[in-house]
N, C-alpha and C. Protein backbone atom coordinates (compact mmCIF):
# COMPACT_ATOMS: atom_id res chain seq x y z
N MET A 1 -43.55 -62.10 62.28
CA MET A 1 -42.19 -62.08 62.81
C MET A 1 -41.17 -62.40 61.72
N VAL A 2 -41.50 -63.36 60.86
CA VAL A 2 -40.58 -63.74 59.80
C VAL A 2 -40.40 -62.57 58.83
N ASP A 3 -41.47 -61.83 58.56
CA ASP A 3 -41.37 -60.68 57.67
C ASP A 3 -40.43 -59.63 58.23
N PHE A 4 -40.45 -59.43 59.54
CA PHE A 4 -39.57 -58.45 60.18
C PHE A 4 -38.11 -58.86 60.02
N VAL A 5 -37.83 -60.15 60.24
CA VAL A 5 -36.46 -60.64 60.10
C VAL A 5 -36.00 -60.52 58.66
N ASP A 6 -36.85 -60.89 57.70
CA ASP A 6 -36.48 -60.76 56.29
C ASP A 6 -36.24 -59.30 55.92
N GLY A 7 -37.10 -58.42 56.40
CA GLY A 7 -36.93 -57.00 56.11
C GLY A 7 -35.65 -56.44 56.71
N THR A 8 -35.34 -56.85 57.93
CA THR A 8 -34.11 -56.39 58.58
C THR A 8 -32.88 -56.90 57.85
N ALA A 9 -32.90 -58.17 57.45
CA ALA A 9 -31.77 -58.74 56.71
C ALA A 9 -31.60 -58.03 55.37
N PHE A 10 -32.71 -57.73 54.70
CA PHE A 10 -32.65 -57.04 53.42
C PHE A 10 -32.06 -55.64 53.61
N ASN A 11 -32.52 -54.92 54.62
CA ASN A 11 -32.01 -53.57 54.88
C ASN A 11 -30.52 -53.59 55.21
N HIS A 12 -30.09 -54.58 55.99
CA HIS A 12 -28.67 -54.70 56.33
C HIS A 12 -27.85 -54.95 55.07
N GLU A 13 -28.35 -55.84 54.22
CA GLU A 13 -27.64 -56.15 52.99
C GLU A 13 -27.55 -54.93 52.08
N GLN A 14 -28.62 -54.17 51.99
CA GLN A 14 -28.62 -52.95 51.18
C GLN A 14 -27.62 -51.94 51.74
N GLY A 15 -27.56 -51.84 53.06
CA GLY A 15 -26.60 -50.94 53.69
C GLY A 15 -25.17 -51.33 53.39
N GLN A 16 -24.91 -52.63 53.43
CA GLN A 16 -23.55 -53.12 53.12
C GLN A 16 -23.18 -52.80 51.68
N ARG A 17 -24.13 -52.99 50.76
CA ARG A 17 -23.86 -52.68 49.35
C ARG A 17 -23.58 -51.19 49.17
N SER A 18 -24.36 -50.38 49.84
CA SER A 18 -24.16 -48.93 49.75
C SER A 18 -22.79 -48.53 50.29
N ARG A 19 -22.39 -49.12 51.40
CA ARG A 19 -21.09 -48.82 51.99
C ARG A 19 -19.97 -49.21 51.03
N LYS A 20 -20.11 -50.36 50.36
CA LYS A 20 -19.09 -50.79 49.40
C LYS A 20 -19.02 -49.84 48.21
N LEU A 21 -20.18 -49.34 47.78
CA LEU A 21 -20.21 -48.41 46.67
C LEU A 21 -19.46 -47.13 47.02
N PHE A 22 -19.70 -46.59 48.21
CA PHE A 22 -19.01 -45.38 48.62
C PHE A 22 -17.53 -45.64 48.86
N ALA A 23 -17.18 -46.83 49.32
CA ALA A 23 -15.76 -47.18 49.47
C ALA A 23 -15.07 -47.18 48.11
N ALA A 24 -15.78 -47.63 47.08
CA ALA A 24 -15.22 -47.61 45.73
C ALA A 24 -14.99 -46.17 45.27
N VAL A 25 -15.86 -45.25 45.66
CA VAL A 25 -15.67 -43.84 45.32
C VAL A 25 -14.42 -43.30 46.00
N VAL A 26 -14.19 -43.69 47.25
CA VAL A 26 -12.99 -43.26 47.97
C VAL A 26 -11.74 -43.79 47.26
N LEU A 27 -11.77 -45.05 46.84
CA LEU A 27 -10.63 -45.63 46.12
C LEU A 27 -10.38 -44.89 44.81
N ALA A 28 -11.45 -44.53 44.11
CA ALA A 28 -11.31 -43.79 42.86
C ALA A 28 -10.71 -42.40 43.12
N ALA A 29 -11.12 -41.76 44.20
CA ALA A 29 -10.55 -40.45 44.56
C ALA A 29 -9.06 -40.59 44.85
N LEU A 30 -8.67 -41.67 45.53
CA LEU A 30 -7.25 -41.91 45.80
C LEU A 30 -6.48 -42.10 44.50
N ASP A 31 -7.02 -42.89 43.59
CA ASP A 31 -6.35 -43.10 42.30
C ASP A 31 -6.22 -41.80 41.52
N ASP A 32 -7.26 -40.97 41.56
CA ASP A 32 -7.19 -39.68 40.87
C ASP A 32 -6.10 -38.80 41.48
N ALA A 33 -6.02 -38.80 42.80
CA ALA A 33 -4.99 -37.99 43.47
C ALA A 33 -3.59 -38.51 43.15
N ILE A 34 -3.44 -39.82 43.06
CA ILE A 34 -2.14 -40.40 42.70
C ILE A 34 -1.75 -40.00 41.28
N ALA A 35 -2.73 -40.02 40.37
CA ALA A 35 -2.48 -39.58 39.00
C ALA A 35 -2.09 -38.10 38.97
N ASP A 36 -2.79 -37.28 39.75
CA ASP A 36 -2.44 -35.87 39.83
C ASP A 36 -1.03 -35.68 40.40
N ASP A 37 -0.67 -36.51 41.36
CA ASP A 37 0.66 -36.40 41.97
C ASP A 37 1.74 -36.71 40.94
N LYS A 38 1.51 -37.72 40.12
CA LYS A 38 2.51 -38.07 39.11
C LYS A 38 2.58 -37.02 38.01
N LYS A 39 1.44 -36.41 37.69
CA LYS A 39 1.40 -35.46 36.59
C LYS A 39 1.77 -34.03 37.03
N TYR A 40 1.20 -33.59 38.15
CA TYR A 40 1.39 -32.21 38.58
C TYR A 40 2.16 -32.05 39.88
N GLY A 41 2.30 -33.14 40.65
CA GLY A 41 3.02 -33.08 41.91
C GLY A 41 2.22 -32.55 43.08
N ASN A 42 0.88 -32.53 42.96
CA ASN A 42 0.07 -31.99 44.05
C ASN A 42 -0.98 -32.98 44.55
N GLY A 43 -0.72 -34.27 44.44
CA GLY A 43 -1.69 -35.30 44.82
C GLY A 43 -2.11 -35.27 46.28
N PRO A 44 -1.15 -35.24 47.22
CA PRO A 44 -1.55 -35.22 48.64
C PRO A 44 -2.41 -34.00 49.00
N GLU A 45 -2.10 -32.85 48.41
CA GLU A 45 -2.91 -31.66 48.68
C GLU A 45 -4.32 -31.82 48.10
N GLN A 46 -4.41 -32.45 46.92
CA GLN A 46 -5.71 -32.66 46.29
C GLN A 46 -6.60 -33.57 47.13
N ILE A 47 -6.04 -34.69 47.60
CA ILE A 47 -6.86 -35.62 48.39
C ILE A 47 -7.23 -34.99 49.72
N ALA A 48 -6.35 -34.18 50.29
CA ALA A 48 -6.66 -33.52 51.55
C ALA A 48 -7.78 -32.51 51.35
N ARG A 49 -7.72 -31.76 50.27
CA ARG A 49 -8.77 -30.78 49.99
C ARG A 49 -10.11 -31.49 49.79
N TRP A 50 -10.08 -32.61 49.05
CA TRP A 50 -11.32 -33.37 48.83
C TRP A 50 -11.86 -33.94 50.13
N ALA A 51 -10.99 -34.54 50.93
CA ALA A 51 -11.43 -35.20 52.17
C ALA A 51 -11.98 -34.19 53.19
N ARG A 52 -11.49 -32.96 53.14
CA ARG A 52 -11.96 -31.94 54.07
C ARG A 52 -13.20 -31.21 53.55
N SER A 53 -13.52 -31.41 52.27
CA SER A 53 -14.69 -30.74 51.70
C SER A 53 -15.98 -31.41 52.22
N ARG A 54 -17.09 -30.73 52.04
CA ARG A 54 -18.37 -31.28 52.49
C ARG A 54 -18.67 -32.59 51.78
N ASP A 55 -18.47 -32.62 50.45
CA ASP A 55 -18.73 -33.84 49.69
C ASP A 55 -17.81 -34.97 50.13
N GLY A 56 -16.54 -34.65 50.32
CA GLY A 56 -15.59 -35.67 50.74
C GLY A 56 -15.94 -36.26 52.09
N ARG A 57 -16.28 -35.39 53.04
CA ARG A 57 -16.67 -35.88 54.37
C ARG A 57 -17.91 -36.76 54.28
N GLU A 58 -18.86 -36.37 53.43
CA GLU A 58 -20.08 -37.15 53.27
C GLU A 58 -19.78 -38.53 52.67
N VAL A 59 -18.93 -38.58 51.65
CA VAL A 59 -18.57 -39.85 51.02
C VAL A 59 -17.82 -40.74 52.01
N LEU A 60 -16.87 -40.16 52.74
CA LEU A 60 -16.13 -40.94 53.73
C LEU A 60 -17.08 -41.50 54.79
N SER A 61 -18.00 -40.70 55.26
CA SER A 61 -18.97 -41.17 56.26
C SER A 61 -19.83 -42.30 55.71
N CYS A 62 -20.30 -42.13 54.49
CA CYS A 62 -21.14 -43.18 53.88
C CYS A 62 -20.36 -44.46 53.63
N ALA A 63 -19.03 -44.34 53.48
CA ALA A 63 -18.19 -45.52 53.29
C ALA A 63 -17.85 -46.17 54.63
N GLY A 64 -18.29 -45.57 55.73
CA GLY A 64 -18.00 -46.13 57.04
C GLY A 64 -16.67 -45.66 57.61
N ILE A 65 -16.14 -44.56 57.09
CA ILE A 65 -14.86 -44.02 57.53
C ILE A 65 -15.12 -42.71 58.26
N ASP A 66 -14.58 -42.59 59.47
CA ASP A 66 -14.75 -41.36 60.24
C ASP A 66 -13.89 -40.26 59.61
N PRO A 67 -14.51 -39.19 59.11
CA PRO A 67 -13.73 -38.17 58.39
C PRO A 67 -13.01 -37.20 59.31
N ASN A 68 -12.03 -37.69 60.06
CA ASN A 68 -11.28 -36.82 60.96
C ASN A 68 -9.91 -36.50 60.37
N GLU A 69 -9.16 -35.69 61.05
CA GLU A 69 -7.86 -35.22 60.53
C GLU A 69 -6.85 -36.37 60.43
N ARG A 70 -6.95 -37.34 61.30
CA ARG A 70 -6.05 -38.50 61.24
C ARG A 70 -6.26 -39.26 59.93
N VAL A 71 -7.50 -39.40 59.52
CA VAL A 71 -7.81 -40.08 58.26
C VAL A 71 -7.25 -39.28 57.09
N VAL A 72 -7.41 -37.96 57.13
CA VAL A 72 -6.90 -37.11 56.06
C VAL A 72 -5.39 -37.28 55.94
N LYS A 73 -4.68 -37.30 57.05
CA LYS A 73 -3.22 -37.49 57.01
C LYS A 73 -2.86 -38.86 56.44
N GLY A 74 -3.65 -39.88 56.78
CA GLY A 74 -3.41 -41.22 56.24
C GLY A 74 -3.64 -41.27 54.73
N LEU A 75 -4.68 -40.60 54.26
CA LEU A 75 -4.94 -40.54 52.82
C LEU A 75 -3.80 -39.81 52.11
N MET A 76 -3.33 -38.73 52.70
CA MET A 76 -2.22 -37.98 52.11
C MET A 76 -0.95 -38.84 52.04
N GLU A 77 -0.69 -39.58 53.10
CA GLU A 77 0.49 -40.46 53.12
C GLU A 77 0.38 -41.55 52.06
N PHE A 78 -0.84 -42.12 51.93
CA PHE A 78 -1.05 -43.16 50.92
C PHE A 78 -0.79 -42.61 49.52
N VAL A 79 -1.31 -41.42 49.24
CA VAL A 79 -1.12 -40.82 47.92
C VAL A 79 0.36 -40.51 47.68
N SER A 80 1.06 -40.05 48.69
CA SER A 80 2.47 -39.70 48.51
C SER A 80 3.33 -40.92 48.20
N LYS A 81 2.88 -42.11 48.61
CA LYS A 81 3.64 -43.33 48.28
C LYS A 81 3.53 -43.66 46.80
N GLY A 82 2.44 -43.23 46.15
CA GLY A 82 2.30 -43.40 44.71
C GLY A 82 1.91 -44.78 44.24
N VAL A 83 1.45 -45.64 45.12
CA VAL A 83 1.05 -46.99 44.73
C VAL A 83 -0.45 -46.98 44.48
N ARG A 84 -0.87 -47.35 43.28
CA ARG A 84 -2.29 -47.35 42.92
C ARG A 84 -3.05 -48.30 43.84
N THR A 85 -4.32 -48.00 44.06
CA THR A 85 -5.11 -48.79 45.01
C THR A 85 -5.26 -50.24 44.56
N SER A 86 -5.41 -50.46 43.26
CA SER A 86 -5.55 -51.84 42.78
C SER A 86 -4.30 -52.65 43.07
N VAL A 87 -3.15 -52.02 42.99
CA VAL A 87 -1.88 -52.69 43.28
C VAL A 87 -1.72 -52.87 44.78
N ALA A 88 -2.05 -51.83 45.54
CA ALA A 88 -1.87 -51.88 46.99
C ALA A 88 -2.78 -52.93 47.63
N LEU A 89 -3.93 -53.18 47.04
CA LEU A 89 -4.86 -54.15 47.59
C LEU A 89 -4.64 -55.57 47.07
N SER A 90 -3.69 -55.73 46.16
CA SER A 90 -3.45 -57.05 45.59
C SER A 90 -2.66 -57.93 46.55
N ARG A 91 -2.81 -59.21 46.39
CA ARG A 91 -2.12 -60.18 47.24
C ARG A 91 -0.61 -60.12 47.03
N GLU A 92 -0.19 -59.93 45.77
CA GLU A 92 1.24 -59.91 45.48
C GLU A 92 1.92 -58.74 46.19
N GLU A 93 1.28 -57.58 46.17
CA GLU A 93 1.86 -56.42 46.84
C GLU A 93 1.95 -56.64 48.34
N SER A 94 0.91 -57.24 48.90
CA SER A 94 0.91 -57.51 50.33
C SER A 94 2.04 -58.47 50.70
N GLU A 95 2.20 -59.51 49.91
CA GLU A 95 3.28 -60.47 50.16
C GLU A 95 4.65 -59.81 50.00
N ARG A 96 4.80 -58.93 49.00
CA ARG A 96 6.06 -58.23 48.77
C ARG A 96 6.40 -57.33 49.97
N ARG A 97 5.39 -56.61 50.48
CA ARG A 97 5.61 -55.73 51.63
C ARG A 97 6.02 -56.52 52.86
N HIS A 98 5.35 -57.66 53.08
CA HIS A 98 5.69 -58.49 54.24
C HIS A 98 7.10 -59.05 54.11
N ALA A 99 7.50 -59.44 52.90
CA ALA A 99 8.85 -59.95 52.68
C ALA A 99 9.88 -58.85 52.96
N MET A 100 9.59 -57.63 52.52
CA MET A 100 10.51 -56.51 52.78
C MET A 100 10.61 -56.23 54.28
N GLU A 101 9.50 -56.28 54.98
CA GLU A 101 9.52 -56.06 56.44
C GLU A 101 10.32 -57.15 57.14
N ASP A 102 10.15 -58.39 56.70
CA ASP A 102 10.90 -59.50 57.29
C ASP A 102 12.41 -59.31 57.06
N MET A 103 12.78 -58.87 55.85
CA MET A 103 14.19 -58.64 55.56
C MET A 103 14.76 -57.51 56.42
N GLU A 104 13.96 -56.45 56.62
CA GLU A 104 14.42 -55.33 57.44
C GLU A 104 14.61 -55.77 58.90
N HIS A 105 13.67 -56.61 59.42
CA HIS A 105 13.80 -57.09 60.78
C HIS A 105 15.01 -58.02 60.93
N ALA A 106 15.29 -58.81 59.90
CA ALA A 106 16.43 -59.73 59.95
C ALA A 106 17.74 -58.94 59.93
N GLU A 107 17.79 -57.86 59.13
CA GLU A 107 19.00 -57.04 59.06
C GLU A 107 19.23 -56.28 60.36
N ALA A 108 18.15 -55.88 61.02
CA ALA A 108 18.27 -55.13 62.26
C ALA A 108 18.74 -56.02 63.42
N ALA A 109 18.45 -57.30 63.33
CA ALA A 109 18.80 -58.22 64.42
C ALA A 109 20.24 -58.64 64.41
């Protein structure tokens, strides 16, 4: 019984690592699309083409993301904002966004 529990825990941990690896691939694809957008102006189209491709759908699925059209639109919107993933995921950026939202709510009131 103990071997079964250890094996299950190991398999779960391996699955989590695999999911994180594929999530990193998605982040890299977003960064590439942002770079393309700054250089050529076609970033949102590039990420949409990738996300709709067989490889893109497979990577999104392996990362635990349902590869539907809503996700593709969200990826396109993210790329069009032009904020690199490392910056967007940082604490400082999150705090800056919340401060801006608070200021907008205060001005609206």
